[in-house]
């Protein structure tokens, strides 16, 4: 089956086409400041490289977060539109799982850490055993130092990977000490569209009936948008209020 993967949860975004677990084509781009404008050109480039038309896709897999609110919305809207227009199945894949799955370390504890800004990180804990990834914790948003509590559920060392680990490296080392393993490869690790596609194929086979409708694939934000928080604090005024003045 041909599976298209879309990863738009972070600033380093990508699109990939996988066929029966073989990577056929992939394109990545830096999305900072583009508000999703690079996704469609990357999508077109991947399909062109692979010599595949959209109607030939059997699956569209999309990273559903946590991550950039704008990136997630753009990625999911594109994935839903593509699946609807082609009849391909649509599967959502958790971003932190994508990050952990793509890190090539055998039989180890892996803590996926993405920068959530506002002095916080998105985190989830996994264990790779005999080549298979097992989730140990739910997705969470927390201060970097709180990872000491998260890692308290397991014994021994843990590999901290992702841009959140890179940004807060010194604080994490101070909080976790020798329990934290941070390699240059791990600190540079980003979620990959190729991994999204492969996990999507795996999850599709596990779903009852073989596929899910697009309406059941929703973004995982973990926390509310800054605009919502500011609204509750009264820092954002309704346009209607300005009209009444």
Protein backbone atom coordinates (compact mmCIF):
# COMPACT_ATOMS: atom_id res chain seq x y z
CA UNK A 1 0.00 0.00 0.00
CA UNK A 2 1.17 3.53 -0.75
CA UNK A 3 1.06 5.74 2.35
CA UNK A 4 1.60 9.48 2.42
CA UNK A 5 2.90 10.89 5.70
CA UNK A 6 2.48 14.54 6.75
CA UNK A 7 4.46 15.97 9.69
CA UNK A 8 3.64 19.60 10.47
CA UNK A 9 3.65 19.71 14.28
CA UNK A 10 7.01 21.47 14.58
CA UNK A 11 8.91 24.10 12.60
CA UNK A 12 10.86 21.36 10.77
CA UNK A 13 8.06 19.92 8.65
CA UNK A 14 8.08 17.15 6.07
CA UNK A 15 6.08 15.02 3.66
CA UNK A 16 6.98 11.47 2.67
CA UNK A 17 5.67 8.63 0.53
CA UNK A 18 6.17 5.08 1.77
CA UNK A 19 5.21 1.94 -0.11
CA UNK A 20 5.10 -1.31 1.87
CA UNK A 21 7.50 0.17 4.47
CA UNK A 22 9.97 1.34 1.76
CA UNK A 23 10.67 5.08 1.59
CA UNK A 24 9.98 6.24 -1.96
CA UNK A 25 10.28 10.02 -1.68
CA UNK A 26 10.58 12.66 1.03
CA UNK A 27 10.78 16.47 1.26
CA UNK A 28 11.37 18.64 4.31
CA UNK A 29 11.31 22.39 4.88
CA UNK A 30 11.60 24.96 7.64
CA UNK A 31 8.13 26.33 8.35
CA UNK A 32 8.96 29.22 10.69
CA UNK A 33 7.01 32.28 9.58
CA UNK A 34 5.29 30.53 6.65
CA UNK A 35 2.03 29.62 8.48
CA UNK A 36 1.81 26.34 6.55
CA UNK A 37 2.65 27.76 3.14
CA UNK A 38 5.36 25.18 2.46
CA UNK A 39 3.18 22.10 2.84
CA UNK A 40 1.49 21.98 -0.56
CA UNK A 41 4.71 22.56 -2.56
CA UNK A 42 6.39 19.80 -0.54
CA UNK A 43 3.42 17.50 -1.14
CA UNK A 44 3.51 18.17 -4.88
CA UNK A 45 7.28 17.57 -4.94
CA UNK A 46 7.00 14.21 -3.18
CA UNK A 47 4.27 12.96 -5.50
CA UNK A 48 6.25 14.18 -8.53
CA UNK A 49 9.44 12.45 -7.36
CA UNK A 50 7.55 9.22 -6.76
CA UNK A 51 5.62 9.41 -10.03
CA UNK A 52 2.41 8.86 -8.10
CA UNK A 53 -0.96 10.58 -8.52
CA UNK A 54 -3.08 11.40 -5.46
CA UNK A 55 -5.68 8.85 -6.57
CA UNK A 56 -3.02 6.12 -6.19
CA UNK A 57 -2.71 6.66 -2.43
CA UNK A 58 -4.13 4.04 -0.11
CA UNK A 59 -3.48 5.91 3.13
CA UNK A 60 -2.87 9.43 4.34
CA UNK A 61 -1.21 9.50 7.77
CA UNK A 62 -0.86 12.78 9.65
CA UNK A 63 0.92 13.82 12.82
CA UNK A 64 -1.77 15.05 15.25
CA UNK A 65 0.32 16.65 18.01
CA UNK A 66 1.05 17.98 20.44
CA UNK A 67 2.90 20.77 18.69
CA UNK A 68 2.32 24.01 16.82
CA UNK A 69 -1.38 24.87 16.82
CA UNK A 70 -1.20 26.40 13.34
CA UNK A 71 0.96 23.61 11.96
CA UNK A 72 -1.37 20.92 13.28
CA UNK A 73 -4.45 22.60 11.85
CA UNK A 74 -2.87 23.06 8.42
CA UNK A 75 -1.53 19.52 8.33
CA UNK A 76 -4.78 17.93 9.42
CA UNK A 77 -6.90 20.03 7.05
CA UNK A 78 -4.62 19.06 4.15
CA UNK A 79 -4.69 15.39 5.12
CA UNK A 80 -8.48 15.34 5.46
CA UNK A 81 -8.96 17.09 2.13
CA UNK A 82 -6.60 14.69 0.39
CA UNK A 83 -8.23 11.62 1.91
CA UNK A 84 -11.71 12.89 1.07
CA UNK A 85 -10.76 13.68 -2.51
CA UNK A 86 -8.99 10.39 -3.18
CA UNK A 87 -10.87 7.89 -1.05
CA UNK A 88 -7.67 7.01 0.84
CA UNK A 89 -7.90 5.95 4.48
CA UNK A 90 -6.94 8.60 7.04
CA UNK A 91 -5.01 7.84 10.25
CA UNK A 92 -3.70 10.20 12.92
CA UNK A 93 -0.38 9.48 14.65
CA UNK A 94 0.79 11.08 17.95
CA UNK A 95 3.76 13.38 17.33
CA UNK A 96 5.76 12.37 20.41
CA UNK A 97 5.41 8.73 19.40
CA UNK A 98 6.71 9.64 15.94
CA UNK A 99 9.73 11.33 17.52
CA UNK A 100 10.51 8.35 19.76
CA UNK A 101 9.95 5.75 17.05
CA UNK A 102 12.42 7.50 14.76
CA UNK A 103 15.25 7.53 17.30
CA UNK A 104 17.49 4.50 16.53
CA UNK A 105 18.51 3.29 19.99
CA UNK A 106 17.82 -0.35 20.96
CA UNK A 107 16.25 -1.56 24.23
CA UNK A 108 16.14 1.73 26.11
CA UNK A 109 13.88 4.24 27.82
CA UNK A 110 13.16 7.18 25.51
CA UNK A 111 11.68 10.47 26.66
CA UNK A 112 10.43 12.53 23.73
CA UNK A 113 10.67 16.25 24.56
CA UNK A 114 9.33 19.00 22.29
CA UNK A 115 9.57 22.71 23.01
CA UNK A 116 6.11 23.97 24.01
CA UNK A 117 7.34 27.56 24.56
CA UNK A 118 6.21 29.59 27.61
CA UNK A 119 9.00 27.81 29.53
CA UNK A 120 7.37 24.39 29.10
CA UNK A 121 7.86 21.18 27.14
CA UNK A 122 5.59 18.53 25.65
CA UNK A 123 6.70 15.11 26.88
CA UNK A 124 5.90 11.41 26.73
CA UNK A 125 7.85 8.40 27.95
CA UNK A 126 8.46 5.23 25.93
CA UNK A 127 10.40 1.98 26.23
CA UNK A 128 11.89 0.19 23.24
CA UNK A 129 12.19 -3.53 23.85
CA UNK A 130 13.04 -6.17 21.25
CA UNK A 131 12.60 -3.58 18.53
CA UNK A 132 9.09 -2.53 19.56
CA UNK A 133 8.11 0.78 21.13
CA UNK A 134 5.89 0.71 24.22
CA UNK A 135 4.24 3.84 25.60
CA UNK A 136 4.77 4.38 29.33
CA UNK A 137 3.05 7.73 29.88
CA UNK A 138 0.41 9.95 28.34
CA UNK A 139 1.32 13.16 26.50
CA UNK A 140 1.82 16.03 28.94
CA UNK A 141 2.91 19.65 29.03
CA UNK A 142 5.10 20.65 31.98
CA UNK A 143 8.15 22.54 33.17
CA UNK A 144 11.44 20.87 32.16
CA UNK A 145 12.32 20.14 35.80
CA UNK A 146 9.09 18.15 36.19
CA UNK A 147 10.63 15.42 34.07
CA UNK A 148 12.29 14.23 37.28
CA UNK A 149 8.83 13.13 38.44
CA UNK A 150 7.93 11.66 35.03
CA UNK A 151 11.08 9.53 35.00
CA UNK A 152 10.28 8.37 38.52
CA UNK A 153 8.05 5.63 37.09
CA UNK A 154 11.04 3.83 35.55
CA UNK A 155 14.45 2.70 36.76
CA UNK A 156 17.77 3.66 35.26
CA UNK A 157 18.73 6.08 32.52
CA UNK A 158 16.58 7.63 29.83
CA UNK A 159 17.41 9.10 26.44
CA UNK A 160 16.01 12.64 26.19
CA UNK A 161 15.44 13.61 22.56
CA UNK A 162 13.93 16.48 20.61
CA UNK A 163 14.17 20.27 20.42
CA UNK A 164 12.78 20.66 23.95
CA UNK A 165 15.70 18.67 25.33
CA UNK A 166 18.07 20.81 23.26
CA UNK A 167 16.60 24.11 24.44
CA UNK A 168 16.52 23.18 28.13
CA UNK A 169 19.59 20.94 28.16
CA UNK A 170 21.29 22.58 31.14
CA UNK A 171 18.13 22.72 33.24
CA UNK A 172 17.36 19.08 32.48
CA UNK A 173 20.87 17.97 33.34
CA UNK A 174 20.67 19.85 36.63
CA UNK A 175 17.29 18.28 37.49
CA UNK A 176 18.00 14.73 36.32
CA UNK A 177 21.72 14.30 36.77
CA UNK A 178 23.21 11.07 35.48
CA UNK A 179 19.77 9.67 34.65
CA UNK A 180 19.57 11.86 31.55
CA UNK A 181 21.33 10.70 28.39
CA UNK A 182 21.49 13.49 25.82
CA UNK A 183 23.43 12.82 22.62
CA UNK A 184 23.94 15.26 19.76
CA UNK A 185 21.87 12.97 17.53
CA UNK A 186 19.06 12.93 20.06
CA UNK A 187 19.07 16.69 20.55
CA UNK A 188 18.82 17.17 16.78
CA UNK A 189 16.04 14.59 16.41
CA UNK A 190 12.80 15.79 14.79
CA UNK A 191 9.53 14.01 13.99
CA UNK A 192 9.71 12.57 10.47
CA UNK A 193 6.98 12.21 7.85
CA UNK A 194 8.46 8.85 6.83
CA UNK A 195 7.92 7.58 10.39
CA UNK A 196 4.41 9.07 10.35
CA UNK A 197 3.63 7.05 7.21
CA UNK A 198 5.08 3.82 8.62
CA UNK A 199 3.26 4.17 11.93
CA UNK A 200 0.11 5.04 10.00
CA UNK A 201 0.34 1.79 8.06
CA UNK A 202 0.84 -0.12 11.30
CA UNK A 203 -2.10 1.57 13.01
CA UNK A 204 -4.34 1.10 9.98
CA UNK A 205 -3.87 -2.65 10.24
CA UNK A 206 -4.86 -2.51 13.92
CA UNK A 207 -8.09 -0.57 13.39
CA UNK A 208 -11.32 -2.52 13.32
CA UNK A 209 -12.71 -2.48 9.82
CA UNK A 210 -9.36 -1.39 8.39
CA UNK A 211 -9.86 2.38 8.41
CA UNK A 212 -11.37 5.32 10.21
CA UNK A 213 -13.35 8.25 8.96
CA UNK A 214 -11.63 11.61 8.85
CA UNK A 215 -14.00 13.05 11.45
CA UNK A 216 -12.42 10.79 14.09
CA UNK A 217 -8.91 12.15 13.50
CA UNK A 218 -8.49 15.30 15.59
CA UNK A 219 -5.52 17.36 16.78
CA UNK A 220 -4.03 16.69 20.22
CA UNK A 221 -3.22 20.11 21.66
CA UNK A 222 -2.62 19.02 25.32
CA UNK A 223 -3.04 22.65 26.41
CA UNK A 224 -5.20 25.56 25.34
CA UNK A 225 -4.07 28.14 22.82
CA UNK A 226 -2.54 31.37 24.14
CA UNK A 227 -5.42 33.33 22.60
CA UNK A 228 -7.94 31.35 24.68
CA UNK A 229 -5.96 31.95 27.86
CA UNK A 230 -5.73 35.68 27.13
CA UNK A 231 -9.47 35.79 26.42
CA UNK A 232 -10.25 34.27 29.83
CA UNK A 233 -7.92 36.79 31.47
CA UNK A 234 -9.74 39.65 29.75
CA UNK A 235 -6.66 40.59 27.75
CA UNK A 236 -8.47 40.16 24.43
CA UNK A 237 -11.53 42.24 23.64
CA UNK A 238 -14.34 41.07 21.38
CA UNK A 239 -14.65 42.98 18.07
CA UNK A 240 -18.34 43.47 18.92
CA UNK A 241 -17.34 45.30 22.10
CA UNK A 242 -15.35 47.79 20.05
CA UNK A 243 -18.34 48.33 17.75
CA UNK A 244 -20.57 49.15 20.72
CA UNK A 245 -18.17 51.78 22.05
